[in-house]
Amino acid sequence: MKNAMRNLLLTIAYDGASYHGWQIQENALTVQQVFQEALYKVTGLREDLKACSRTDTGVHARDFRVSLKTESPIPPERMAAALNHWLPEDVAVKAVREVPEDFHARYSCKGKEYCYEIWNHPMRDPFLRGRALHYWHPIDENLLNAAAGQYLGRHDFTSFCTLDKREKGDLARTVTTARVERRGDLVVFTVAADGFLYNMVRIMAGTLLWVQQGKLAPGDIPGIIAAQDRAAAGPTAPACGLYLNRVFYEGMDGE
């Protein structure tokens, strides 16, 4: 007799330094691959995973969500512990909960928050290798915070998108948070929106560094947005500093 089908939502965190992003690829190790291998060892089933997003090579996640429908009878709290037994140490399940049948980790998502972290010190920190961008020139966080504020609101972010087959149709997004703050020698750019385009946060961060370098002024950013031209914005910052920080769902935002 078959067990009842359940829809589970899993919260995962991972250090992406050793992975070629989330999504399975040929001839490259990904987070999804090691997660599916652990899941099979726990349930004995080949589950169809629905991920909240795709992260690129070297990008990290503090709050990545995956939903799956399963006949496994393992209770959520035991599922998390069992998966963590089999997962590598740079990937961890933080929580498992049952959700309604129609819940989908990607399509039920109302928004995301990313952080881009910069180690701002003359000397590199070997413990942050692959986990933060090392920028040794002084950063004026107040200047960059003023620039980041120009991203707020609903705009067509074509200028902040690497166009490929993934990006079609409406490229407008609503940015609800955009700030830069210093935490000792760490400078953090935090941005939240109802959705993000391919490389959007990394291009935003690279553009802020152009402001720091005097190549742009904070007041230039509205014109870059209006140009709807990738060439108008700054470079794409390296992946190592990027973290998926929070994922928002209706009624779950406080998790």
Protein backbone atom coordinates (compact mmCIF):
# COMPACT_ATOMS: atom_id res chain seq x y z
CA MET A 1 0.00 0.00 0.00
CA LYS A 2 1.37 3.37 -1.01
CA ASN A 3 2.00 6.12 1.50
CA ALA A 4 0.15 9.40 1.15
CA MET A 5 1.83 11.97 -1.04
CA ARG A 6 3.19 15.00 0.85
CA ASN A 7 4.60 18.27 -0.37
CA LEU A 8 7.70 19.27 1.61
CA LEU A 9 9.57 22.56 1.70
CA LEU A 10 13.24 22.31 2.62
CA THR A 11 15.45 25.23 3.65
CA ILE A 12 19.07 24.68 2.62
CA ALA A 13 22.30 26.60 3.15
CA TYR A 14 25.48 26.02 1.18
CA ASP A 15 28.95 27.33 0.56
CA GLY A 16 29.07 27.44 -3.22
CA ALA A 17 32.85 27.78 -3.60
CA SER A 18 33.30 24.15 -4.69
CA TYR A 19 30.20 23.91 -6.90
CA HIS A 20 29.16 24.92 -10.38
CA GLY A 21 25.94 26.43 -9.07
CA TRP A 22 22.73 24.71 -8.03
CA GLN A 23 21.40 23.13 -11.21
CA ILE A 24 22.68 19.76 -12.42
CA GLN A 25 25.20 19.98 -15.27
CA GLU A 26 27.14 17.43 -17.26
CA ASN A 27 30.76 16.96 -16.13
CA ALA A 28 30.50 19.49 -13.29
CA LEU A 29 29.67 19.08 -9.61
CA THR A 30 26.59 21.02 -8.50
CA VAL A 31 24.67 21.45 -5.25
CA GLN A 32 21.58 19.80 -6.73
CA GLN A 33 23.61 16.71 -7.60
CA VAL A 34 24.92 16.15 -4.07
CA PHE A 35 21.51 16.99 -2.60
CA GLN A 36 19.70 14.48 -4.85
CA GLU A 37 22.27 11.81 -4.02
CA ALA A 38 21.70 12.36 -0.29
CA LEU A 39 17.93 12.38 -0.74
CA TYR A 40 18.04 9.04 -2.57
CA LYS A 41 20.09 7.50 0.24
CA VAL A 42 17.48 8.68 2.74
CA THR A 43 14.23 7.89 0.89
CA GLY A 44 15.26 5.39 -1.80
CA LEU A 45 13.19 7.51 -4.19
CA ARG A 46 14.12 9.67 -7.19
CA GLU A 47 12.25 12.84 -6.26
CA ASP A 48 11.38 15.71 -8.61
CA LEU A 49 12.87 18.83 -7.01
CA LYS A 50 11.48 22.34 -7.47
CA ALA A 51 14.09 24.95 -6.57
CA CYS A 52 13.42 28.59 -5.70
CA SER A 53 16.20 29.78 -7.99
CA ARG A 54 19.38 28.91 -9.82
CA THR A 55 22.69 30.08 -8.44
CA ASP A 56 25.80 30.35 -10.58
CA THR A 57 29.23 28.84 -10.08
CA GLY A 58 30.77 30.02 -6.82
CA VAL A 59 27.61 31.71 -5.48
CA HIS A 60 26.51 30.91 -1.92
CA ALA A 61 23.12 30.57 -0.22
CA ARG A 62 22.08 31.10 3.37
CA ASP A 63 18.40 30.50 2.61
CA PHE A 64 17.74 28.33 -0.45
CA ARG A 65 14.36 26.64 -0.75
CA VAL A 66 13.43 23.38 -2.44
CA SER A 67 9.98 21.82 -2.63
CA LEU A 68 9.33 18.18 -3.45
CA LYS A 69 6.38 15.84 -3.49
CA THR A 70 7.20 12.53 -1.88
CA GLU A 71 5.63 9.32 -0.62
CA SER A 72 8.36 8.96 2.00
CA PRO A 73 6.79 8.62 5.47
CA ILE A 74 9.83 10.11 7.25
CA PRO A 75 8.72 12.98 9.55
CA PRO A 76 10.10 16.42 8.63
CA GLU A 77 12.35 16.75 11.69
CA ARG A 78 13.91 13.34 11.04
CA MET A 79 14.22 14.08 7.32
CA ALA A 80 16.49 17.08 8.02
CA ALA A 81 18.79 15.09 10.31
CA ALA A 82 18.96 12.15 7.90
CA LEU A 83 19.84 14.36 4.93
CA ASN A 84 22.54 16.18 6.89
CA HIS A 85 24.11 12.82 7.71
CA TRP A 86 24.71 12.20 3.99
CA LEU A 87 25.35 15.71 2.72
CA PRO A 88 28.88 17.10 2.43
CA GLU A 89 29.90 19.55 5.13
CA ASP A 90 29.49 22.59 2.86
CA VAL A 91 25.75 21.88 2.34
CA ALA A 92 23.18 21.66 5.15
CA VAL A 93 19.42 21.33 5.52
CA LYS A 94 18.25 23.89 8.08
CA ALA A 95 14.55 22.99 8.19
CA VAL A 96 11.87 20.79 6.63
CA ARG A 97 8.13 21.48 6.77
CA GLU A 98 4.97 20.28 5.09
CA VAL A 99 3.28 22.77 2.75
CA PRO A 100 0.04 22.77 0.74
CA GLU A 101 -0.15 20.55 -2.32
CA ASP A 102 -0.08 23.50 -4.74
CA PHE A 103 3.00 25.10 -3.18
CA HIS A 104 5.98 25.49 -5.54
CA ALA A 105 9.37 26.71 -4.32
CA ARG A 106 9.84 28.92 -7.37
CA TYR A 107 6.37 29.98 -8.47
CA SER A 108 5.06 30.61 -4.93
CA CYS A 109 8.02 32.88 -4.18
CA LYS A 110 7.15 36.56 -3.60
CA GLY A 111 10.70 37.88 -3.62
CA LYS A 112 14.33 37.35 -2.65
CA GLU A 113 17.08 39.18 -0.82
CA TYR A 114 20.74 38.96 -1.81
CA CYS A 115 23.90 40.22 -0.12
CA TYR A 116 27.14 41.03 -1.89
CA GLU A 117 30.06 41.02 0.55
CA ILE A 118 33.36 42.88 0.07
CA TRP A 119 36.42 42.46 2.29
CA ASN A 120 37.73 46.03 2.39
CA HIS A 121 41.21 45.81 3.85
CA PRO A 122 44.72 46.28 2.43
CA MET A 123 45.55 42.66 3.30
CA ARG A 124 43.61 39.70 2.05
CA ASP A 125 41.95 37.36 4.53
CA PRO A 126 42.68 33.72 3.59
CA PHE A 127 39.59 32.60 5.51
CA LEU A 128 37.39 34.67 3.16
CA ARG A 129 38.93 33.25 -0.01
CA GLY A 130 36.02 32.36 -2.28
CA ARG A 131 33.57 33.90 0.21
CA ALA A 132 34.01 37.65 -0.28
CA LEU A 133 35.51 39.96 -2.88
CA HIS A 134 38.82 41.39 -1.70
CA TYR A 135 38.90 45.13 -2.49
CA TRP A 136 41.95 46.77 -0.96
CA HIS A 137 41.30 50.44 -1.78
CA PRO A 138 39.25 52.39 0.81
CA ILE A 139 35.48 52.26 0.31
CA ASP A 140 33.17 55.12 1.24
CA GLU A 141 30.10 53.16 2.33
CA ASN A 142 28.01 56.33 2.65
CA LEU A 143 28.72 57.23 -0.99
CA LEU A 144 27.80 53.73 -2.14
CA ASN A 145 24.69 53.70 0.02
CA ALA A 146 23.52 56.88 -1.71
CA ALA A 147 24.17 55.21 -5.07
CA ALA A 148 22.37 52.01 -4.06
CA GLY A 149 19.29 54.04 -3.17
CA GLN A 150 18.93 54.89 -6.85
CA TYR A 151 18.03 51.24 -7.54
CA LEU A 152 14.85 51.44 -5.46
CA GLY A 153 11.48 51.23 -7.19
CA ARG A 154 10.14 49.50 -10.28
CA HIS A 155 12.39 49.81 -13.31
CA ASP A 156 13.35 47.97 -16.47
CA PHE A 157 16.70 46.52 -15.43
CA THR A 158 17.95 45.55 -18.90
CA SER A 159 21.14 47.53 -18.19
CA PHE A 160 21.79 45.24 -15.22
CA CYS A 161 21.22 41.92 -16.94
CA THR A 162 23.39 39.53 -18.90
CA LEU A 163 21.01 38.66 -21.71
CA ASP A 164 20.73 35.01 -22.69
CA LYS A 165 17.98 32.55 -23.53
CA ARG A 166 16.74 32.71 -19.91
CA GLU A 167 15.80 36.38 -20.12
CA LYS A 168 12.75 37.00 -22.28
CA GLY A 169 9.76 39.28 -22.05
CA ASP A 170 9.30 41.81 -19.27
CA LEU A 171 12.62 42.77 -17.65
CA ALA A 172 11.03 45.13 -15.12
CA ARG A 173 11.57 44.35 -11.45
CA THR A 174 10.59 46.13 -8.22
CA VAL A 175 13.49 46.70 -5.82
CA THR A 176 12.28 47.18 -2.24
CA THR A 177 15.61 47.26 -0.39
CA ALA A 178 18.98 48.56 -1.59
CA ARG A 179 21.60 49.63 0.93
CA VAL A 180 25.33 49.51 1.62
CA GLU A 181 26.67 49.22 5.16
CA ARG A 182 30.01 48.59 6.81
CA ARG A 183 30.53 45.86 9.39
CA GLY A 184 34.12 46.42 10.44
CA ASP A 185 36.24 45.65 7.38
CA LEU A 186 33.35 43.98 5.61
CA VAL A 187 31.23 46.16 3.31
CA VAL A 188 27.85 44.60 2.47
CA PHE A 189 25.46 45.52 -0.35
CA THR A 190 21.97 44.19 0.43
CA VAL A 191 19.22 44.21 -2.20
CA ALA A 192 15.70 42.73 -2.15
CA ALA A 193 13.21 42.60 -5.02
CA ASP A 194 10.22 40.74 -6.35
CA GLY A 195 12.57 39.00 -8.76
CA PHE A 196 16.06 39.21 -10.24
CA LEU A 197 17.51 38.95 -13.72
CA TYR A 198 20.57 36.94 -14.69
CA ASN A 199 23.66 38.48 -13.02
CA MET A 200 21.57 41.48 -11.87
CA VAL A 201 22.99 41.73 -8.35
CA ARG A 202 26.57 41.22 -9.47
CA ILE A 203 26.21 43.97 -12.10
CA MET A 204 24.62 46.26 -9.50
CA ALA A 205 27.61 45.59 -7.22
CA GLY A 206 30.11 46.16 -10.02
CA THR A 207 28.41 49.45 -10.86
CA LEU A 208 28.67 50.55 -7.22
CA LEU A 209 32.40 49.87 -7.34
CA TRP A 210 32.62 52.13 -10.41
CA VAL A 211 31.00 54.83 -8.26
CA GLN A 212 33.70 54.23 -5.65
CA GLN A 213 36.36 54.57 -8.34
CA GLY A 214 34.93 57.90 -9.53
CA LYS A 215 33.90 56.53 -12.91
CA LEU A 216 30.26 57.26 -12.04
CA ALA A 217 28.35 59.45 -9.59
CA PRO A 218 25.33 58.21 -7.61
CA GLY A 219 23.15 60.48 -9.73
CA ASP A 220 24.25 58.69 -12.90
CA ILE A 221 22.45 55.47 -12.02
CA PRO A 222 18.93 56.59 -13.08
CA GLY A 223 20.36 57.36 -16.53
CA ILE A 224 21.99 53.92 -16.69
CA ILE A 225 18.66 52.31 -15.85
CA ALA A 226 16.86 54.43 -18.47
CA ALA A 227 19.42 53.48 -21.14
CA GLN A 228 18.28 49.82 -21.07
CA ASP A 229 21.74 48.95 -22.35
CA ARG A 230 24.09 46.53 -20.60
CA ALA A 231 27.10 48.50 -21.87
CA ALA A 232 25.99 51.54 -19.84
CA ALA A 233 26.45 49.80 -16.46
CA GLY A 234 29.58 48.70 -14.64
CA PRO A 235 31.28 45.29 -14.75
CA THR A 236 29.87 42.06 -13.38
CA ALA A 237 31.38 41.61 -9.92
CA PRO A 238 32.94 38.19 -9.17
CA ALA A 239 30.61 35.45 -7.94
CA CYS A 240 32.51 34.80 -4.70
CA GLY A 241 30.87 37.69 -2.81
CA LEU A 242 27.26 36.84 -3.63
CA TYR A 243 24.85 35.20 -1.18
CA LEU A 244 21.18 34.35 -1.56
CA ASN A 245 20.23 35.67 1.84
CA ARG A 246 16.45 35.30 2.18
CA VAL A 247 13.51 33.93 0.17
CA PHE A 248 10.04 35.35 0.78
CA TYR A 249 6.74 33.46 0.71
CA GLU A 250 3.27 34.53 1.74
CA GLY A 251 2.91 33.89 5.45
CA MET A 252 6.48 32.60 5.80
CA ASP A 253 8.52 35.80 5.57
CA GLY A 254 9.51 35.70 9.20
CA GLU A 255 11.26 32.30 8.97
